[in-house]
Amino acid sequence: MDNFQQTIHSHNQALLKKNAKEFVNKDSCNCRIKALCPVPEKCNTPSPVVYQATVSTNESTETYAGLAESFKPRYHNHIKSL
């Protein structure tokens, strides 16, 4: 019985490791110009993201903090509004 349990355990571990690699690869960076990626190799993180930015003008400097369900669409909206 122990050999059977060990076989199942090994098989499950192999599947979990394979799925984990696929998940990381799927959600990594897909920027066309990798050097301009705002968060290298993690810009497609699907979970909620807390971020902070410093915005400077000739008159002042402000710090902005935000929360986004998905970072990349939120980042693009910030860039568009500049």
PDB file of N, CA and C in Angstrom:
ATOM      1  N   MET A   1       0.807  -1.189   0.000  1.00  0.00           N
ATOM      2  CA  MET A   1       0.000   0.000   0.000  1.00  0.00           C
ATOM      3  C   MET A   1       0.856   1.261   0.000  1.00  0.00           C
ATOM      4  N   ASP A   2       1.982   1.234   0.698  1.00  0.00           N
ATOM      5  CA  ASP A   2       2.847   2.409   0.756  1.00  0.00           C
ATOM      6  C   ASP A   2       3.387   2.779  -0.617  1.00  0.00           C
ATOM      7  N   ASN A   3       3.723   1.811  -1.436  1.00  0.00           N
ATOM      8  CA  ASN A   3       4.229   2.099  -2.774  1.00  0.00           C
ATOM      9  C   ASN A   3       3.161   2.794  -3.623  1.00  0.00           C
ATOM     10  N   PHE A   4       1.927   2.366  -3.481  1.00  0.00           N
ATOM     11  CA  PHE A   4       0.829   2.972  -4.230  1.00  0.00           C
ATOM     12  C   PHE A   4       0.636   4.433  -3.805  1.00  0.00           C
ATOM     13  N   GLN A   5       0.661   4.684  -2.511  1.00  0.00           N
ATOM     14  CA  GLN A   5       0.519   6.056  -2.003  1.00  0.00           C
ATOM     15  C   GLN A   5       1.679   6.931  -2.468  1.00  0.00           C
ATOM     16  N   GLN A   6       2.887   6.369  -2.458  1.00  0.00           N
ATOM     17  CA  GLN A   6       4.055   7.123  -2.905  1.00  0.00           C
ATOM     18  C   GLN A   6       3.942   7.453  -4.392  1.00  0.00           C
ATOM     19  N   THR A   7       3.437   6.528  -5.176  1.00  0.00           N
ATOM     20  CA  THR A   7       3.261   6.762  -6.612  1.00  0.00           C
ATOM     21  C   THR A   7       2.254   7.882  -6.855  1.00  0.00           C
ATOM     22  N   ILE A   8       1.153   7.857  -6.160  1.00  0.00           N
ATOM     23  CA  ILE A   8       0.130   8.901  -6.299  1.00  0.00           C
ATOM     24  C   ILE A   8       0.692  10.251  -5.843  1.00  0.00           C
ATOM     25  N   HIS A   9       1.389  10.255  -4.717  1.00  0.00           N
ATOM     26  CA  HIS A   9       1.970  11.494  -4.205  1.00  0.00           C
ATOM     27  C   HIS A   9       2.969  12.085  -5.212  1.00  0.00           C
ATOM     28  N   SER A  10       3.827  11.257  -5.767  1.00  0.00           N
ATOM     29  CA  SER A  10       4.813  11.724  -6.754  1.00  0.00           C
ATOM     30  C   SER A  10       4.124  12.282  -7.992  1.00  0.00           C
ATOM     31  N   HIS A  11       3.088  11.598  -8.443  1.00  0.00           N
ATOM     32  CA  HIS A  11       2.340  12.049  -9.613  1.00  0.00           C
ATOM     33  C   HIS A  11       1.682  13.409  -9.341  1.00  0.00           C
ATOM     34  N   ASN A  12       1.052  13.542  -8.178  1.00  0.00           N
ATOM     35  CA  ASN A  12       0.408  14.814  -7.825  1.00  0.00           C
ATOM     36  C   ASN A  12       1.421  15.946  -7.727  1.00  0.00           C
ATOM     37  N   GLN A  13       2.570  15.689  -7.124  1.00  0.00           N
ATOM     38  CA  GLN A  13       3.606  16.718  -7.018  1.00  0.00           C
ATOM     39  C   GLN A  13       4.078  17.157  -8.399  1.00  0.00           C
ATOM     40  N   ALA A  14       4.254  16.206  -9.295  1.00  0.00           N
ATOM     41  CA  ALA A  14       4.684  16.539 -10.655  1.00  0.00           C
ATOM     42  C   ALA A  14       3.643  17.410 -11.354  1.00  0.00           C
ATOM     43  N   LEU A  15       2.368  17.079 -11.201  1.00  0.00           N
ATOM     44  CA  LEU A  15       1.307  17.877 -11.815  1.00  0.00           C
ATOM     45  C   LEU A  15       1.249  19.282 -11.223  1.00  0.00           C
ATOM     46  N   LEU A  16       1.369  19.388  -9.910  1.00  0.00           N
ATOM     47  CA  LEU A  16       1.335  20.692  -9.269  1.00  0.00           C
ATOM     48  C   LEU A  16       2.513  21.554  -9.703  1.00  0.00           C
ATOM     49  N   LYS A  17       3.672  20.973  -9.806  1.00  0.00           N
ATOM     50  CA  LYS A  17       4.850  21.728 -10.224  1.00  0.00           C
ATOM     51  C   LYS A  17       4.691  22.200 -11.666  1.00  0.00           C
ATOM     52  N   LYS A  18       4.156  21.343 -12.529  1.00  0.00           N
ATOM     53  CA  LYS A  18       3.932  21.714 -13.928  1.00  0.00           C
ATOM     54  C   LYS A  18       2.917  22.857 -14.021  1.00  0.00           C
ATOM     55  N   ASN A  19       1.820  22.759 -13.277  1.00  0.00           N
ATOM     56  CA  ASN A  19       0.795  23.801 -13.295  1.00  0.00           C
ATOM     57  C   ASN A  19       1.338  25.114 -12.750  1.00  0.00           C
ATOM     58  N   ALA A  20       2.179  25.062 -11.727  1.00  0.00           N
ATOM     59  CA  ALA A  20       2.759  26.273 -11.160  1.00  0.00           C
ATOM     60  C   ALA A  20       3.640  26.974 -12.197  1.00  0.00           C
ATOM     61  N   LYS A  21       4.424  26.222 -12.949  1.00  0.00           N
ATOM     62  CA  LYS A  21       5.275  26.818 -13.989  1.00  0.00           C
ATOM     63  C   LYS A  21       4.428  27.452 -15.081  1.00  0.00           C
ATOM     64  N   GLU A  22       3.362  26.777 -15.485  1.00  0.00           N
ATOM     65  CA  GLU A  22       2.488  27.333 -16.515  1.00  0.00           C
ATOM     66  C   GLU A  22       1.823  28.612 -16.032  1.00  0.00           C
ATOM     67  N   PHE A  23       1.415  28.647 -14.767  1.00  0.00           N
ATOM     68  CA  PHE A  23       0.768  29.834 -14.211  1.00  0.00           C
ATOM     69  C   PHE A  23       1.732  31.011 -14.208  1.00  0.00           C
ATOM     70  N   VAL A  24       2.964  30.802 -13.766  1.00  0.00           N
ATOM     71  CA  VAL A  24       3.954  31.878 -13.727  1.00  0.00           C
ATOM     72  C   VAL A  24       4.256  32.367 -15.138  1.00  0.00           C
ATOM     73  N   ASN A  25       4.452  31.472 -16.079  1.00  0.00           N
ATOM     74  CA  ASN A  25       4.768  31.870 -17.446  1.00  0.00           C
ATOM     75  C   ASN A  25       3.612  32.610 -18.095  1.00  0.00           C
ATOM     76  N   LYS A  26       2.393  32.174 -17.842  1.00  0.00           N
ATOM     77  CA  LYS A  26       1.223  32.797 -18.450  1.00  0.00           C
ATOM     78  C   LYS A  26       1.033  34.230 -17.971  1.00  0.00           C
ATOM     79  N   ASP A  27       1.343  34.484 -16.716  1.00  0.00           N
ATOM     80  CA  ASP A  27       1.079  35.788 -16.137  1.00  0.00           C
ATOM     81  C   ASP A  27       2.305  36.692 -16.073  1.00  0.00           C
ATOM     82  N   SER A  28       3.378  36.279 -16.713  1.00  0.00           N
ATOM     83  CA  SER A  28       4.562  37.130 -16.684  1.00  0.00           C
ATOM     84  C   SER A  28       4.411  38.260 -17.696  1.00  0.00           C
ATOM     85  N   CYS A  29       5.459  38.957 -17.944  1.00  0.00           N
ATOM     86  CA  CYS A  29       5.437  40.144 -18.802  1.00  0.00           C
ATOM     87  C   CYS A  29       5.144  39.803 -20.264  1.00  0.00           C
ATOM     88  N   ASN A  30       4.261  40.577 -20.866  1.00  0.00           N
ATOM     89  CA  ASN A  30       4.011  40.434 -22.298  1.00  0.00           C
ATOM     90  C   ASN A  30       4.200  41.776 -23.016  1.00  0.00           C
ATOM     91  N   CYS A  31       4.982  42.665 -22.405  1.00  0.00           N
ATOM     92  CA  CYS A  31       5.245  43.969 -23.019  1.00  0.00           C
ATOM     93  C   CYS A  31       6.033  43.791 -24.306  1.00  0.00           C
ATOM     94  N   ARG A  32       5.728  44.595 -25.300  1.00  0.00           N
ATOM     95  CA  ARG A  32       6.449  44.510 -26.564  1.00  0.00           C
ATOM     96  C   ARG A  32       7.883  44.990 -26.426  1.00  0.00           C
ATOM     97  N   ILE A  33       8.075  46.039 -25.625  1.00  0.00           N
ATOM     98  CA  ILE A  33       9.420  46.560 -25.387  1.00  0.00           C
ATOM     99  C   ILE A  33       9.731  46.289 -23.917  1.00  0.00           C
ATOM    100  N   LYS A  34      10.463  45.212 -23.660  1.00  0.00           N
ATOM    101  CA  LYS A  34      10.705  44.760 -22.284  1.00  0.00           C
ATOM    102  C   LYS A  34      11.405  45.822 -21.439  1.00  0.00           C
ATOM    103  N   ALA A  35      12.247  46.639 -22.045  1.00  0.00           N
ATOM    104  CA  ALA A  35      12.977  47.667 -21.296  1.00  0.00           C
ATOM    105  C   ALA A  35      12.042  48.740 -20.737  1.00  0.00           C
ATOM    106  N   LEU A  36      10.840  48.897 -21.317  1.00  0.00           N
ATOM    107  CA  LEU A  36       9.885  49.907 -20.862  1.00  0.00           C
ATOM    108  C   LEU A  36       8.809  49.343 -19.930  1.00  0.00           C
ATOM    109  N   CYS A  37       8.940  48.089 -19.567  1.00  0.00           N
ATOM    110  CA  CYS A  37       7.950  47.458 -18.680  1.00  0.00           C
ATOM    111  C   CYS A  37       7.988  48.136 -17.308  1.00  0.00           C
ATOM    112  N   PRO A  38       6.834  48.580 -16.781  1.00  0.00           N
ATOM    113  CA  PRO A  38       6.808  49.268 -15.491  1.00  0.00           C
ATOM    114  C   PRO A  38       7.146  48.349 -14.311  1.00  0.00           C
ATOM    115  N   VAL A  39       6.860  47.065 -14.438  1.00  0.00           N
ATOM    116  CA  VAL A  39       7.168  46.082 -13.391  1.00  0.00           C
ATOM    117  C   VAL A  39       7.740  44.848 -14.092  1.00  0.00           C
ATOM    118  N   PRO A  40       9.032  44.837 -14.359  1.00  0.00           N
ATOM    119  CA  PRO A  40       9.631  43.761 -15.153  1.00  0.00           C
ATOM    120  C   PRO A  40       9.240  42.360 -14.687  1.00  0.00           C
ATOM    121  N   GLU A  41       8.764  41.579 -15.644  1.00  0.00           N
ATOM    122  CA  GLU A  41       8.371  40.181 -15.453  1.00  0.00           C
ATOM    123  C   GLU A  41       7.172  39.964 -14.541  1.00  0.00           C
ATOM    124  N   LYS A  42       6.504  41.019 -14.094  1.00  0.00           N
ATOM    125  CA  LYS A  42       5.346  40.848 -13.205  1.00  0.00           C
ATOM    126  C   LYS A  42       4.211  41.801 -13.550  1.00  0.00           C
ATOM    127  N   CYS A  43       4.209  42.363 -14.730  1.00  0.00           N
ATOM    128  CA  CYS A  43       3.221  43.393 -15.057  1.00  0.00           C
ATOM    129  C   CYS A  43       1.815  42.824 -15.273  1.00  0.00           C
ATOM    130  N   ASN A  44       1.687  41.522 -15.475  1.00  0.00           N
ATOM    131  CA  ASN A  44       0.364  40.920 -15.681  1.00  0.00           C
ATOM    132  C   ASN A  44      -0.148  40.200 -14.445  1.00  0.00           C
ATOM    133  N   THR A  45       0.300  40.585 -13.285  1.00  0.00           N
ATOM    134  CA  THR A  45      -0.139  39.943 -12.047  1.00  0.00           C
ATOM    135  C   THR A  45      -1.656  40.068 -11.936  1.00  0.00           C
ATOM    136  N   PRO A  46      -2.370  38.937 -11.809  1.00  0.00           N
ATOM    137  CA  PRO A  46      -3.838  38.992 -11.815  1.00  0.00           C
ATOM    138  C   PRO A  46      -4.454  39.387 -10.473  1.00  0.00           C
ATOM    139  N   SER A  47      -3.707  39.308  -9.404  1.00  0.00           N
ATOM    140  CA  SER A  47      -4.284  39.620  -8.098  1.00  0.00           C
ATOM    141  C   SER A  47      -4.256  41.124  -7.848  1.00  0.00           C
ATOM    142  N   PRO A  48      -5.009  41.601  -6.862  1.00  0.00           N
ATOM    143  CA  PRO A  48      -4.996  43.037  -6.563  1.00  0.00           C
ATOM    144  C   PRO A  48      -3.577  43.540  -6.252  1.00  0.00           C
ATOM    145  N   VAL A  49      -3.281  44.731  -6.733  1.00  0.00           N
ATOM    146  CA  VAL A  49      -1.945  45.310  -6.591  1.00  0.00           C
ATOM    147  C   VAL A  49      -2.055  46.677  -5.932  1.00  0.00           C
ATOM    148  N   VAL A  50      -1.233  46.926  -4.928  1.00  0.00           N
ATOM    149  CA  VAL A  50      -1.116  48.238  -4.318  1.00  0.00           C
ATOM    150  C   VAL A  50       0.138  48.860  -4.907  1.00  0.00           C
ATOM    151  N   TYR A  51       0.022  50.090  -5.390  1.00  0.00           N
ATOM    152  CA  TYR A  51       1.164  50.736  -6.023  1.00  0.00           C
ATOM    153  C   TYR A  51       1.294  52.167  -5.543  1.00  0.00           C
ATOM    154  N   GLN A  52       2.483  52.728  -5.763  1.00  0.00           N
ATOM    155  CA  GLN A  52       2.761  54.100  -5.347  1.00  0.00           C
ATOM    156  C   GLN A  52       3.579  54.778  -6.434  1.00  0.00           C
ATOM    157  N   ALA A  53       3.291  56.051  -6.668  1.00  0.00           N
ATOM    158  CA  ALA A  53       4.018  56.824  -7.671  1.00  0.00           C
ATOM    159  C   ALA A  53       4.267  58.230  -7.142  1.00  0.00           C
ATOM    160  N   THR A  54       5.352  58.805  -7.575  1.00  0.00           N
ATOM    161  CA  THR A  54       5.664  60.188  -7.239  1.00  0.00           C
ATOM    162  C   THR A  54       5.485  61.009  -8.502  1.00  0.00           C
ATOM    163  N   VAL A  55       4.640  62.024  -8.426  1.00  0.00           N
ATOM    164  CA  VAL A  55       4.336  62.883  -9.572  1.00  0.00           C
ATOM    165  C   VAL A  55       4.926  64.255  -9.297  1.00  0.00           C
ATOM    166  N   SER A  56       5.762  64.721 -10.214  1.00  0.00           N
ATOM    167  CA  SER A  56       6.425  66.017 -10.035  1.00  0.00           C
ATOM    168  C   SER A  56       6.014  66.990 -11.121  1.00  0.00           C
ATOM    169  N   THR A  57       5.774  68.224 -10.725  1.00  0.00           N
ATOM    170  CA  THR A  57       5.534  69.315 -11.660  1.00  0.00           C
ATOM    171  C   THR A  57       6.539  70.411 -11.336  1.00  0.00           C
ATOM    172  N   ASN A  58       6.472  71.504 -12.047  1.00  0.00           N
ATOM    173  CA  ASN A  58       7.377  72.614 -11.755  1.00  0.00           C
ATOM    174  C   ASN A  58       7.096  73.219 -10.383  1.00  0.00           C
ATOM    175  N   GLU A  59       5.862  73.138  -9.921  1.00  0.00           N
ATOM    176  CA  GLU A  59       5.475  73.758  -8.658  1.00  0.00           C
ATOM    177  C   GLU A  59       5.561  72.822  -7.452  1.00  0.00           C
ATOM    178  N   SER A  60       5.289  71.533  -7.635  1.00  0.00           N
ATOM    179  CA  SER A  60       5.228  70.648  -6.470  1.00  0.00           C
ATOM    180  C   SER A  60       5.527  69.199  -6.836  1.00  0.00           C
ATOM    181  N   THR A  61       5.663  68.401  -5.785  1.00  0.00           N
ATOM    182  CA  THR A  61       5.834  66.960  -5.927  1.00  0.00           C
ATOM    183  C   THR A  61       4.804  66.285  -5.025  1.00  0.00           C
ATOM    184  N   GLU A  62       4.038  65.377  -5.589  1.00  0.00           N
ATOM    185  CA  GLU A  62       3.002  64.672  -4.840  1.00  0.00           C
ATOM    186  C   GLU A  62       3.253  63.169  -4.912  1.00  0.00           C
ATOM    187  N   THR A  63       2.878  62.482  -3.842  1.00  0.00           N
ATOM    188  CA  THR A  63       2.948  61.022  -3.829  1.00  0.00           C
ATOM    189  C   THR A  63       1.537  60.486  -3.943  1.00  0.00           C
ATOM    190  N   TYR A  64       1.359  59.535  -4.834  1.00  0.00           N
ATOM    191  CA  TYR A  64       0.052  58.954  -5.109  1.00  0.00           C
ATOM    192  C   TYR A  64       0.116  57.462  -4.811  1.00  0.00           C
ATOM    193  N   ALA A  65      -0.865  56.931  -4.118  1.00  0.00           N
ATOM    194  CA  ALA A  65      -0.961  55.498  -3.865  1.00  0.00           C
ATOM    195  C   ALA A  65      -2.291  55.011  -4.407  1.00  0.00           C
ATOM    196  N   GLY A  66      -2.304  53.791  -4.914  1.00  0.00           N
ATOM    197  CA  GLY A  66      -3.534  53.271  -5.491  1.00  0.00           C
ATOM    198  C   GLY A  66      -3.653  51.767  -5.330  1.00  0.00           C
ATOM    199  N   LEU A  67      -4.820  51.268  -5.630  1.00  0.00           N
ATOM    200  CA  LEU A  67      -5.121  49.843  -5.586  1.00  0.00           C
ATOM    201  C   LEU A  67      -5.812  49.489  -6.887  1.00  0.00           C
ATOM    202  N   ALA A  68      -5.367  48.428  -7.527  1.00  0.00           N
ATOM    203  CA  ALA A  68      -5.961  48.007  -8.790  1.00  0.00           C
ATOM    204  C   ALA A  68      -6.141  46.500  -8.808  1.00  0.00           C
ATOM    205  N   GLU A  69      -7.238  46.047  -9.387  1.00  0.00           N
ATOM    206  CA  GLU A  69      -7.456  44.611  -9.552  1.00  0.00           C
ATOM    207  C   GLU A  69      -6.379  44.013 -10.446  1.00  0.00           C
ATOM    208  N   SER A  70      -6.053  44.732 -11.494  1.00  0.00           N
ATOM    209  CA  SER A  70      -5.027  44.294 -12.426  1.00  0.00           C
ATOM    210  C   SER A  70      -4.154  45.509 -12.737  1.00  0.00           C
ATOM    211  N   PHE A  71      -2.856  45.395 -12.578  1.00  0.00           N
ATOM    212  CA  PHE A  71      -1.982  46.554 -12.663  1.00  0.00           C
ATOM    213  C   PHE A  71      -1.866  47.132 -14.076  1.00  0.00           C
ATOM    214  N   LYS A  72      -1.689  46.293 -15.059  1.00  0.00           N
ATOM    215  CA  LYS A  72      -1.368  46.783 -16.398  1.00  0.00           C
ATOM    216  C   LYS A  72      -2.441  47.705 -16.990  1.00  0.00           C
ATOM    217  N   PRO A  73      -3.719  47.350 -16.973  1.00  0.00           N
ATOM    218  CA  PRO A  73      -4.725  48.288 -17.497  1.00  0.00           C
ATOM    219  C   PRO A  73      -4.757  49.606 -16.717  1.00  0.00           C
ATOM    220  N   ARG A  74      -4.553  49.527 -15.407  1.00  0.00           N
ATOM    221  CA  ARG A  74      -4.556  50.744 -14.602  1.00  0.00           C
ATOM    222  C   ARG A  74      -3.370  51.634 -14.960  1.00  0.00           C
ATOM    223  N   TYR A  75      -2.226  51.041 -15.157  1.00  0.00           N
ATOM    224  CA  TYR A  75      -1.019  51.785 -15.545  1.00  0.00           C
ATOM    225  C   TYR A  75      -1.242  52.490 -16.880  1.00  0.00           C
ATOM    226  N   HIS A  76      -1.821  51.797 -17.832  1.00  0.00           N
ATOM    227  CA  HIS A  76      -2.073  52.413 -19.145  1.00  0.00           C
ATOM    228  C   HIS A  76      -3.057  53.581 -19.033  1.00  0.00           C
ATOM    229  N   ASN A  77      -4.040  53.480 -18.162  1.00  0.00           N
ATOM    230  CA  ASN A  77      -4.979  54.588 -17.945  1.00  0.00           C
ATOM    231  C   ASN A  77      -4.256  55.794 -17.344  1.00  0.00           C
ATOM    232  N   HIS A  78      -3.321  55.553 -16.438  1.00  0.00           N
ATOM    233  CA  HIS A  78      -2.529  56.655 -15.879  1.00  0.00           C
ATOM    234  C   HIS A  78      -1.703  57.330 -16.965  1.00  0.00           C
ATOM    235  N   ILE A  79      -1.081  56.536 -17.814  1.00  0.00           N
ATOM    236  CA  ILE A  79      -0.227  57.088 -18.878  1.00  0.00           C
ATOM    237  C   ILE A  79      -1.071  57.923 -19.857  1.00  0.00           C
ATOM    238  N   LYS A  80      -2.267  57.451 -20.189  1.00  0.00           N
ATOM    239  CA  LYS A  80      -3.148  58.167 -21.106  1.00  0.00           C
ATOM    240  C   LYS A  80      -3.562  59.530 -20.540  1.00  0.00           C
ATOM    241  N   SER A  81      -3.718  59.608 -19.214  1.00  0.00           N
ATOM    242  CA  SER A  81      -4.225  60.848 -18.612  1.00  0.00           C
ATOM    243  C   SER A  81      -3.140  61.925 -18.441  1.00  0.00           C
ATOM    244  N   LEU A  82      -1.915  61.601 -18.756  1.00  0.00           N
ATOM    245  CA  LEU A  82      -0.834  62.596 -18.603  1.00  0.00           C
ATOM    246  C   LEU A  82      -0.923  63.683 -19.636  1.00  0.00           C
TER     247      LEU A  82
END
